[in-house]
Amino acid sequence: MNESYLPKLINDTTFEVELLGKDKVEIGDRESTNFKPHLKLNRWGGECFIKVGLPTTEKITPVVEAGKVKWRGRKVEAHFYPLEPKTVITKDNKGRDRQFDQNELGGFEFEVVLKEKPATNEINLDFETRGLRFAYQPPLHPDHPTWADTNGNGIVNSFRPENVVGSYAAYHATRRNIHASAEDAEKYKTGKAFHIYRPHLVDAVGVEGWADLNISNGVLTITLPQEFLDEAMYPVIVDPDFGYTTIGG
């Protein structure tokens, strides 16, 4: 891991990481007297932000291992760590590889670890934002969600990575891609702030799956397939990624 991404303790209950684009991420809650398994993702110097947290009454001191802040609850763990820019590949309608760049300004992992089968197939995270609007990224087609002929002329012209299907793009609430000055254009670009990717699942023996995302009324809900939970070997890792990006969905 890039040493500049290592978490730095800024008070007794909060860590901070500066990402590639110089945006700062807080792990914990600086206003709390106890550590909370929360993230605050700042954009444009805190002009916009996302706060997301795992609700809990457990008072547990986290540990830092290999650059990851780990909160270990009785039934659930939460691991927080930065992500590098990456390239993902998906197949098009002819089986050819399509490449997509993601997280060009870095990203952050909010990894939820289920130590045992949960009582419900939903993980409900507290979710607060400022200065953002969200755009859901649906499947491009019900039969082939990662590609489509959007013009209806028989030529496939739209492609989407698997982790973007069912995800959310987050944009500045008022800034678009037309700006009053060159300075604003350089700062805000397309107005895109974050991308919340569709959560990937993997159990203890490597069986993989996908969860569904929904944002509503101050809650980010991750819905896991019940069949996956019934058949999984535990622990199960659920990995909602938060990308810092200016690239569209």
C-alpha atoms as a PDB file:
ATOM      1  CA  MET A   1       0.000   0.000   0.000  1.00  0.00           C
ATOM      2  CA  ASN A   2       1.158   3.524  -0.785  1.00  0.00           C
ATOM      3  CA  GLU A   3       2.589   4.876   2.491  1.00  0.00           C
ATOM      4  CA  SER A   4       0.879   8.228   1.953  1.00  0.00           C
ATOM      5  CA  TYR A   5      -2.445   6.376   2.268  1.00  0.00           C
ATOM      6  CA  LEU A   6      -1.698   5.057   5.762  1.00  0.00           C
ATOM      7  CA  PRO A   7      -4.305   6.146   8.336  1.00  0.00           C
ATOM      8  CA  LYS A   8      -3.197   8.906  10.700  1.00  0.00           C
ATOM      9  CA  LEU A   9      -4.774   9.339  14.123  1.00  0.00           C
ATOM     10  CA  ILE A  10      -6.191  12.885  14.376  1.00  0.00           C
ATOM     11  CA  ASN A  11      -7.843  12.469  17.801  1.00  0.00           C
ATOM     12  CA  ASP A  12      -8.681   9.655  20.232  1.00  0.00           C
ATOM     13  CA  THR A  13     -11.537   8.317  18.095  1.00  0.00           C
ATOM     14  CA  THR A  14     -10.763   9.275  14.494  1.00  0.00           C
ATOM     15  CA  PHE A  15      -8.276   8.435  11.754  1.00  0.00           C
ATOM     16  CA  GLU A  16      -7.675  10.360   8.537  1.00  0.00           C
ATOM     17  CA  VAL A  17      -6.379   9.325   5.117  1.00  0.00           C
ATOM     18  CA  GLU A  18      -5.506  11.645   2.227  1.00  0.00           C
ATOM     19  CA  LEU A  19      -6.229  10.133  -1.176  1.00  0.00           C
ATOM     20  CA  LEU A  20      -4.618  10.584  -4.573  1.00  0.00           C
ATOM     21  CA  GLY A  21      -6.782  13.601  -5.431  1.00  0.00           C
ATOM     22  CA  LYS A  22      -5.935  15.237  -2.057  1.00  0.00           C
ATOM     23  CA  ASP A  23      -9.421  14.617  -0.699  1.00  0.00           C
ATOM     24  CA  LYS A  24      -9.527  13.518   2.937  1.00  0.00           C
ATOM     25  CA  VAL A  25     -11.425  10.576   4.381  1.00  0.00           C
ATOM     26  CA  GLU A  26     -12.194  10.305   8.090  1.00  0.00           C
ATOM     27  CA  ILE A  27     -12.562   6.901   9.755  1.00  0.00           C
ATOM     28  CA  GLY A  28     -14.550   7.153  12.969  1.00  0.00           C
ATOM     29  CA  ASP A  29     -16.445  10.138  14.328  1.00  0.00           C
ATOM     30  CA  ARG A  30     -14.400  13.059  15.607  1.00  0.00           C
ATOM     31  CA  GLU A  31     -17.359  14.319  17.670  1.00  0.00           C
ATOM     32  CA  SER A  32     -17.793  11.030  19.553  1.00  0.00           C
ATOM     33  CA  THR A  33     -16.016   9.972  22.739  1.00  0.00           C
ATOM     34  CA  ASN A  34     -15.900   6.374  21.442  1.00  0.00           C
ATOM     35  CA  PHE A  35     -14.777   4.996  18.103  1.00  0.00           C
ATOM     36  CA  LYS A  36     -17.656   4.423  15.716  1.00  0.00           C
ATOM     37  CA  PRO A  37     -17.408   2.278  12.550  1.00  0.00           C
ATOM     38  CA  HIS A  38     -18.130   5.269  10.315  1.00  0.00           C
ATOM     39  CA  LEU A  39     -16.647   6.915   7.242  1.00  0.00           C
ATOM     40  CA  LYS A  40     -16.781  10.538   6.190  1.00  0.00           C
ATOM     41  CA  LEU A  41     -15.784  10.981   2.551  1.00  0.00           C
ATOM     42  CA  ASN A  42     -15.034  14.613   1.738  1.00  0.00           C
ATOM     43  CA  ARG A  43     -14.965  16.159  -1.726  1.00  0.00           C
ATOM     44  CA  TRP A  44     -13.761  19.598  -2.818  1.00  0.00           C
ATOM     45  CA  GLY A  45     -12.395  20.425   0.616  1.00  0.00           C
ATOM     46  CA  GLY A  46     -15.543  19.301   2.418  1.00  0.00           C
ATOM     47  CA  GLU A  47     -17.917  21.301   0.205  1.00  0.00           C
ATOM     48  CA  CYS A  48     -19.655  17.978  -0.417  1.00  0.00           C
ATOM     49  CA  PHE A  49     -19.471  14.826   1.668  1.00  0.00           C
ATOM     50  CA  ILE A  50     -20.889  11.392   2.376  1.00  0.00           C
ATOM     51  CA  LYS A  51     -21.116  10.060   5.924  1.00  0.00           C
ATOM     52  CA  VAL A  52     -21.839   6.351   6.189  1.00  0.00           C
ATOM     53  CA  GLY A  53     -21.783   4.214   9.297  1.00  0.00           C
ATOM     54  CA  LEU A  54     -22.620   0.833  10.776  1.00  0.00           C
ATOM     55  CA  PRO A  55     -25.177   1.314  13.582  1.00  0.00           C
ATOM     56  CA  THR A  56     -23.979  -0.326  16.790  1.00  0.00           C
ATOM     57  CA  THR A  57     -24.000   0.045  20.560  1.00  0.00           C
ATOM     58  CA  GLU A  58     -20.745  -1.900  20.961  1.00  0.00           C
ATOM     59  CA  LYS A  59     -17.821   0.129  22.294  1.00  0.00           C
ATOM     60  CA  ILE A  60     -14.739  -1.386  20.710  1.00  0.00           C
ATOM     61  CA  THR A  61     -11.297   0.070  20.126  1.00  0.00           C
ATOM     62  CA  PRO A  62     -10.164  -0.564  16.536  1.00  0.00           C
ATOM     63  CA  VAL A  63      -6.788  -1.901  15.499  1.00  0.00           C
ATOM     64  CA  VAL A  64      -4.669  -0.910  12.514  1.00  0.00           C
ATOM     65  CA  GLU A  65      -3.236  -3.819  10.530  1.00  0.00           C
ATOM     66  CA  ALA A  66      -1.378  -3.429   7.225  1.00  0.00           C
ATOM     67  CA  GLY A  67      -2.899   0.001   6.656  1.00  0.00           C
ATOM     68  CA  LYS A  68      -6.449  -1.143   7.429  1.00  0.00           C
ATOM     69  CA  VAL A  69      -8.507   0.153  10.346  1.00  0.00           C
ATOM     70  CA  LYS A  70     -10.396  -2.858  11.725  1.00  0.00           C
ATOM     71  CA  TRP A  71     -13.355  -2.694  14.083  1.00  0.00           C
ATOM     72  CA  ARG A  72     -14.191  -6.149  15.423  1.00  0.00           C
ATOM     73  CA  GLY A  73     -17.697  -6.523  16.780  1.00  0.00           C
ATOM     74  CA  ARG A  74     -19.180  -9.676  18.263  1.00  0.00           C
ATOM     75  CA  LYS A  75     -21.029 -10.776  15.114  1.00  0.00           C
ATOM     76  CA  VAL A  76     -19.874  -8.236  12.537  1.00  0.00           C
ATOM     77  CA  GLU A  77     -16.574  -6.574  11.682  1.00  0.00           C
ATOM     78  CA  ALA A  78     -15.936  -3.421   9.666  1.00  0.00           C
ATOM     79  CA  HIS A  79     -12.626  -2.872   7.852  1.00  0.00           C
ATOM     80  CA  PHE A  80     -11.718   0.493   6.340  1.00  0.00           C
ATOM     81  CA  TYR A  81      -8.917   1.075   3.854  1.00  0.00           C
ATOM     82  CA  PRO A  82      -8.029   3.156   0.771  1.00  0.00           C
ATOM     83  CA  LEU A  83      -8.221   1.877  -2.794  1.00  0.00           C
ATOM     84  CA  GLU A  84      -5.938   2.569  -5.733  1.00  0.00           C
ATOM     85  CA  PRO A  85      -7.181   3.481  -9.227  1.00  0.00           C
ATOM     86  CA  LYS A  86      -8.040   0.349 -11.173  1.00  0.00           C
ATOM     87  CA  THR A  87      -9.175  -1.032 -14.508  1.00  0.00           C
ATOM     88  CA  VAL A  88     -12.090  -3.464 -14.665  1.00  0.00           C
ATOM     89  CA  ILE A  89     -13.004  -5.669 -17.601  1.00  0.00           C
ATOM     90  CA  THR A  90     -16.407  -6.820 -18.780  1.00  0.00           C
ATOM     91  CA  LYS A  91     -17.444  -8.853 -21.823  1.00  0.00           C
ATOM     92  CA  ASP A  92     -19.424  -7.280 -24.640  1.00  0.00           C
ATOM     93  CA  ASN A  93     -22.094  -8.962 -26.759  1.00  0.00           C
ATOM     94  CA  LYS A  94     -19.414 -10.673 -28.868  1.00  0.00           C
ATOM     95  CA  GLY A  95     -17.399 -11.917 -25.918  1.00  0.00           C
ATOM     96  CA  ARG A  96     -14.689  -9.308 -26.319  1.00  0.00           C
ATOM     97  CA  ASP A  97     -13.092  -7.554 -23.359  1.00  0.00           C
ATOM     98  CA  ARG A  98     -14.168  -3.995 -22.614  1.00  0.00           C
ATOM     99  CA  GLN A  99     -11.975  -2.021 -20.220  1.00  0.00           C
ATOM    100  CA  PHE A 100     -13.168   0.680 -17.841  1.00  0.00           C
ATOM    101  CA  ASP A 101     -11.038   2.915 -15.628  1.00  0.00           C
ATOM    102  CA  GLN A 102     -12.375   3.435 -12.113  1.00  0.00           C
ATOM    103  CA  ASN A 103     -11.361   5.478  -9.066  1.00  0.00           C
ATOM    104  CA  GLU A 104      -8.866   7.672 -10.898  1.00  0.00           C
ATOM    105  CA  LEU A 105      -8.689   9.872  -7.779  1.00  0.00           C
ATOM    106  CA  GLY A 106      -8.586   6.910  -5.404  1.00  0.00           C
ATOM    107  CA  GLY A 107     -11.341   5.252  -3.430  1.00  0.00           C
ATOM    108  CA  PHE A 108     -12.274   3.767  -0.084  1.00  0.00           C
ATOM    109  CA  GLU A 109     -13.449   0.368   1.081  1.00  0.00           C
ATOM    110  CA  PHE A 110     -16.093  -0.080   3.778  1.00  0.00           C
ATOM    111  CA  GLU A 111     -15.755  -3.828   4.182  1.00  0.00           C
ATOM    112  CA  VAL A 112     -18.438  -5.508   6.279  1.00  0.00           C
ATOM    113  CA  VAL A 113     -17.510  -8.965   7.559  1.00  0.00           C
ATOM    114  CA  LEU A 114     -20.381 -11.221   8.645  1.00  0.00           C
ATOM    115  CA  LYS A 115     -18.941 -13.728  11.113  1.00  0.00           C
ATOM    116  CA  GLU A 116     -22.088 -15.850  11.106  1.00  0.00           C
ATOM    117  CA  LYS A 117     -25.365 -16.095   9.229  1.00  0.00           C
ATOM    118  CA  PRO A 118     -27.299 -12.893   9.978  1.00  0.00           C
ATOM    119  CA  ALA A 119     -30.909 -12.785  11.129  1.00  0.00           C
ATOM    120  CA  THR A 120     -31.837 -10.687   8.094  1.00  0.00           C
ATOM    121  CA  ASN A 121     -30.503 -10.370   4.560  1.00  0.00           C
ATOM    122  CA  GLU A 122     -30.283  -6.566   4.827  1.00  0.00           C
ATOM    123  CA  ILE A 123     -27.414  -4.433   6.078  1.00  0.00           C
ATOM    124  CA  ASN A 124     -28.696  -0.951   6.884  1.00  0.00           C
ATOM    125  CA  LEU A 125     -26.019   1.738   7.101  1.00  0.00           C
ATOM    126  CA  ASP A 126     -26.609   5.250   8.411  1.00  0.00           C
ATOM    127  CA  PHE A 127     -26.232   7.601   5.452  1.00  0.00           C
ATOM    128  CA  GLU A 128     -25.876  11.383   5.481  1.00  0.00           C
ATOM    129  CA  THR A 129     -24.772  13.660   2.645  1.00  0.00           C
ATOM    130  CA  ARG A 130     -24.225  17.320   1.864  1.00  0.00           C
ATOM    131  CA  GLY A 131     -24.374  19.051  -1.503  1.00  0.00           C
ATOM    132  CA  LEU A 132     -24.907  15.902  -3.571  1.00  0.00           C
ATOM    133  CA  ARG A 133     -27.484  14.373  -5.890  1.00  0.00           C
ATOM    134  CA  PHE A 134     -27.536  10.658  -6.686  1.00  0.00           C
ATOM    135  CA  ALA A 135     -28.221   8.853  -9.948  1.00  0.00           C
ATOM    136  CA  TYR A 136     -29.037   5.139  -9.887  1.00  0.00           C
ATOM    137  CA  GLN A 137     -27.295   3.115 -12.613  1.00  0.00           C
ATOM    138  CA  PRO A 138     -29.758   0.406 -13.707  1.00  0.00           C
ATOM    139  CA  PRO A 139     -29.082  -2.633 -15.881  1.00  0.00           C
ATOM    140  CA  LEU A 140     -28.774  -1.612 -19.525  1.00  0.00           C
ATOM    141  CA  HIS A 141     -31.072  -4.479 -20.540  1.00  0.00           C
ATOM    142  CA  PRO A 142     -33.015  -7.085 -18.502  1.00  0.00           C
ATOM    143  CA  ASP A 143     -31.449  -9.986 -20.405  1.00  0.00           C
ATOM    144  CA  HIS A 144     -27.891  -8.638 -20.698  1.00  0.00           C
ATOM    145  CA  PRO A 145     -27.380  -5.941 -18.052  1.00  0.00           C
ATOM    146  CA  THR A 146     -23.873  -4.843 -19.110  1.00  0.00           C
ATOM    147  CA  TRP A 147     -24.591  -3.945 -22.752  1.00  0.00           C
ATOM    148  CA  ALA A 148     -27.425  -2.639 -24.934  1.00  0.00           C
ATOM    149  CA  ASP A 149     -28.451  -1.171 -28.279  1.00  0.00           C
ATOM    150  CA  THR A 150     -29.824   2.149 -27.029  1.00  0.00           C
ATOM    151  CA  ASN A 151     -30.453   3.551 -30.525  1.00  0.00           C
ATOM    152  CA  GLY A 152     -32.549   0.610 -31.654  1.00  0.00           C
ATOM    153  CA  ASN A 153     -30.560   0.193 -34.866  1.00  0.00           C
ATOM    154  CA  GLY A 154     -29.150  -3.242 -34.120  1.00  0.00           C
ATOM    155  CA  ILE A 155     -25.712  -1.908 -33.185  1.00  0.00           C
ATOM    156  CA  VAL A 156     -24.632  -2.338 -29.561  1.00  0.00           C
ATOM    157  CA  ASN A 157     -23.429   1.070 -28.402  1.00  0.00           C
ATOM    158  CA  SER A 158     -23.654   1.119 -24.615  1.00  0.00           C
ATOM    159  CA  PHE A 159     -21.582  -0.864 -22.134  1.00  0.00           C
ATOM    160  CA  ARG A 160     -21.413  -0.928 -18.340  1.00  0.00           C
ATOM    161  CA  PRO A 161     -19.102  -2.853 -15.973  1.00  0.00           C
ATOM    162  CA  GLU A 162     -20.731  -5.451 -13.755  1.00  0.00           C
ATOM    163  CA  ASN A 163     -19.976  -3.501 -10.571  1.00  0.00           C
ATOM    164  CA  VAL A 164     -21.688  -0.404 -12.005  1.00  0.00           C
ATOM    165  CA  VAL A 165     -24.953  -2.226 -12.752  1.00  0.00           C
ATOM    166  CA  GLY A 166     -27.146  -1.397  -9.755  1.00  0.00           C
ATOM    167  CA  SER A 167     -24.764   1.242  -8.392  1.00  0.00           C
ATOM    168  CA  TYR A 168     -25.088   4.962  -7.638  1.00  0.00           C
ATOM    169  CA  ALA A 169     -23.215   7.894  -9.153  1.00  0.00           C
ATOM    170  CA  ALA A 170     -22.999  10.956  -6.898  1.00  0.00           C
ATOM    171  CA  TYR A 171     -22.813  14.454  -8.392  1.00  0.00           C
ATOM    172  CA  HIS A 172     -22.452  17.965  -7.026  1.00  0.00           C
ATOM    173  CA  ALA A 173     -25.981  19.205  -6.394  1.00  0.00           C
ATOM    174  CA  THR A 174     -25.572  22.402  -8.436  1.00  0.00           C
ATOM    175  CA  ARG A 175     -22.370  22.117 -10.487  1.00  0.00           C
ATOM    176  CA  ARG A 176     -22.623  20.537 -13.927  1.00  0.00           C
ATOM    177  CA  ASN A 177     -20.117  20.358 -16.798  1.00  0.00           C
ATOM    178  CA  ILE A 178     -20.579  24.010 -17.830  1.00  0.00           C
ATOM    179  CA  HIS A 179     -18.699  26.469 -15.624  1.00  0.00           C
ATOM    180  CA  ALA A 180     -18.328  30.230 -15.267  1.00  0.00           C
ATOM    181  CA  SER A 181     -14.528  30.155 -15.212  1.00  0.00           C
ATOM    182  CA  ALA A 182     -11.570  28.012 -16.208  1.00  0.00           C
ATOM    183  CA  GLU A 183     -10.739  27.658 -12.519  1.00  0.00           C
ATOM    184  CA  ASP A 184     -14.166  26.195 -11.743  1.00  0.00           C
ATOM    185  CA  ALA A 185     -13.958  23.932 -14.795  1.00  0.00           C
ATOM    186  CA  GLU A 186     -10.640  22.527 -13.573  1.00  0.00           C
ATOM    187  CA  LYS A 187     -11.976  22.085 -10.048  1.00  0.00           C
ATOM    188  CA  TYR A 188     -15.406  20.565 -10.687  1.00  0.00           C
ATOM    189  CA  LYS A 189     -14.969  19.041 -14.175  1.00  0.00           C
ATOM    190  CA  THR A 190     -18.154  17.023 -14.852  1.00  0.00           C
ATOM    191  CA  GLY A 191     -19.505  17.690 -11.364  1.00  0.00           C
ATOM    192  CA  LYS A 192     -19.163  14.033 -10.446  1.00  0.00           C
ATOM    193  CA  ALA A 193     -17.929  13.486  -6.898  1.00  0.00           C
ATOM    194  CA  PHE A 194     -18.208   9.781  -6.045  1.00  0.00           C
ATOM    195  CA  HIS A 195     -19.374   6.425  -7.266  1.00  0.00           C
ATOM    196  CA  ILE A 196     -20.878   3.878  -4.872  1.00  0.00           C
ATOM    197  CA  TYR A 197     -20.280   0.565  -6.590  1.00  0.00           C
ATOM    198  CA  ARG A 198     -22.516  -2.464  -6.335  1.00  0.00           C
ATOM    199  CA  PRO A 199     -21.320  -4.565  -3.370  1.00  0.00           C
ATOM    200  CA  HIS A 200     -19.459  -7.763  -4.150  1.00  0.00           C
ATOM    201  CA  LEU A 201     -19.798 -10.788  -1.859  1.00  0.00           C
ATOM    202  CA  VAL A 202     -17.348 -13.592  -1.155  1.00  0.00           C
ATOM    203  CA  ASP A 203     -17.546 -16.343   1.443  1.00  0.00           C
ATOM    204  CA  ALA A 204     -14.796 -18.235   3.261  1.00  0.00           C
ATOM    205  CA  VAL A 205     -14.242 -20.709   0.407  1.00  0.00           C
ATOM    206  CA  GLY A 206     -14.333 -18.140  -2.390  1.00  0.00           C
ATOM    207  CA  VAL A 207     -17.956 -18.413  -3.549  1.00  0.00           C
ATOM    208  CA  GLU A 208     -18.907 -15.018  -4.996  1.00  0.00           C
ATOM    209  CA  GLY A 209     -22.079 -13.037  -5.537  1.00  0.00           C
ATOM    210  CA  TRP A 210     -23.582  -9.562  -5.799  1.00  0.00           C
ATOM    211  CA  ALA A 211     -25.793  -7.564  -3.450  1.00  0.00           C
ATOM    212  CA  ASP A 212     -28.310  -4.829  -4.255  1.00  0.00           C
ATOM    213  CA  LEU A 213     -28.064  -1.183  -3.176  1.00  0.00           C
ATOM    214  CA  ASN A 214     -30.769   1.291  -2.235  1.00  0.00           C
ATOM    215  CA  ILE A 215     -30.529   4.823  -0.845  1.00  0.00           C
ATOM    216  CA  SER A 216     -33.640   6.135   0.900  1.00  0.00           C
ATOM    217  CA  ASN A 217     -34.483   8.352   3.888  1.00  0.00           C
ATOM    218  CA  GLY A 218     -30.997   8.536   5.350  1.00  0.00           C
ATOM    219  CA  VAL A 219     -30.254   4.832   4.997  1.00  0.00           C
ATOM    220  CA  LEU A 220     -27.990   2.952   2.591  1.00  0.00           C
ATOM    221  CA  THR A 221     -29.464  -0.546   2.385  1.00  0.00           C
ATOM    222  CA  ILE A 222     -27.442  -3.493   1.118  1.00  0.00           C
ATOM    223  CA  THR A 223     -29.678  -6.467   0.312  1.00  0.00           C
ATOM    224  CA  LEU A 224     -27.908  -9.815   0.076  1.00  0.00           C
ATOM    225  CA  PRO A 225     -29.358 -12.835  -1.773  1.00  0.00           C
ATOM    226  CA  GLN A 226     -30.928 -15.074   0.874  1.00  0.00           C
ATOM    227  CA  GLU A 227     -29.824 -18.208  -0.975  1.00  0.00           C
ATOM    228  CA  PHE A 228     -26.211 -17.016  -0.843  1.00  0.00           C
ATOM    229  CA  LEU A 229     -26.452 -16.491   2.930  1.00  0.00           C
ATOM    230  CA  ASP A 230     -28.133 -19.874   3.439  1.00  0.00           C
ATOM    231  CA  GLU A 231     -25.400 -21.757   1.586  1.00  0.00           C
ATOM    232  CA  ALA A 232     -22.341 -19.662   2.472  1.00  0.00           C
ATOM    233  CA  MET A 233     -19.346 -20.708   4.519  1.00  0.00           C
ATOM    234  CA  TYR A 234     -18.691 -17.970   7.058  1.00  0.00           C
ATOM    235  CA  PRO A 235     -17.245 -15.402   7.409  1.00  0.00           C
ATOM    236  CA  VAL A 236     -18.774 -13.581   4.429  1.00  0.00           C
ATOM    237  CA  ILE A 237     -17.220 -10.339   3.166  1.00  0.00           C
ATOM    238  CA  VAL A 238     -19.484  -7.600   1.789  1.00  0.00           C
ATOM    239  CA  ASP A 239     -17.493  -4.835   0.126  1.00  0.00           C
ATOM    240  CA  PRO A 240     -19.274  -1.615  -0.795  1.00  0.00           C
ATOM    241  CA  ASP A 241     -16.609   0.517  -2.531  1.00  0.00           C
ATOM    242  CA  PHE A 242     -16.722   4.305  -2.605  1.00  0.00           C
ATOM    243  CA  GLY A 243     -14.853   5.647  -5.601  1.00  0.00           C
ATOM    244  CA  TYR A 244     -13.498   9.158  -6.107  1.00  0.00           C
ATOM    245  CA  THR A 245     -13.979   9.763  -9.795  1.00  0.00           C
ATOM    246  CA  THR A 246     -14.933  12.327 -12.422  1.00  0.00           C
ATOM    247  CA  ILE A 247     -15.757   9.647 -15.006  1.00  0.00           C
ATOM    248  CA  GLY A 248     -19.422   9.024 -15.746  1.00  0.00           C
ATOM    249  CA  GLY A 249     -21.301   5.857 -14.797  1.00  0.00           C
END
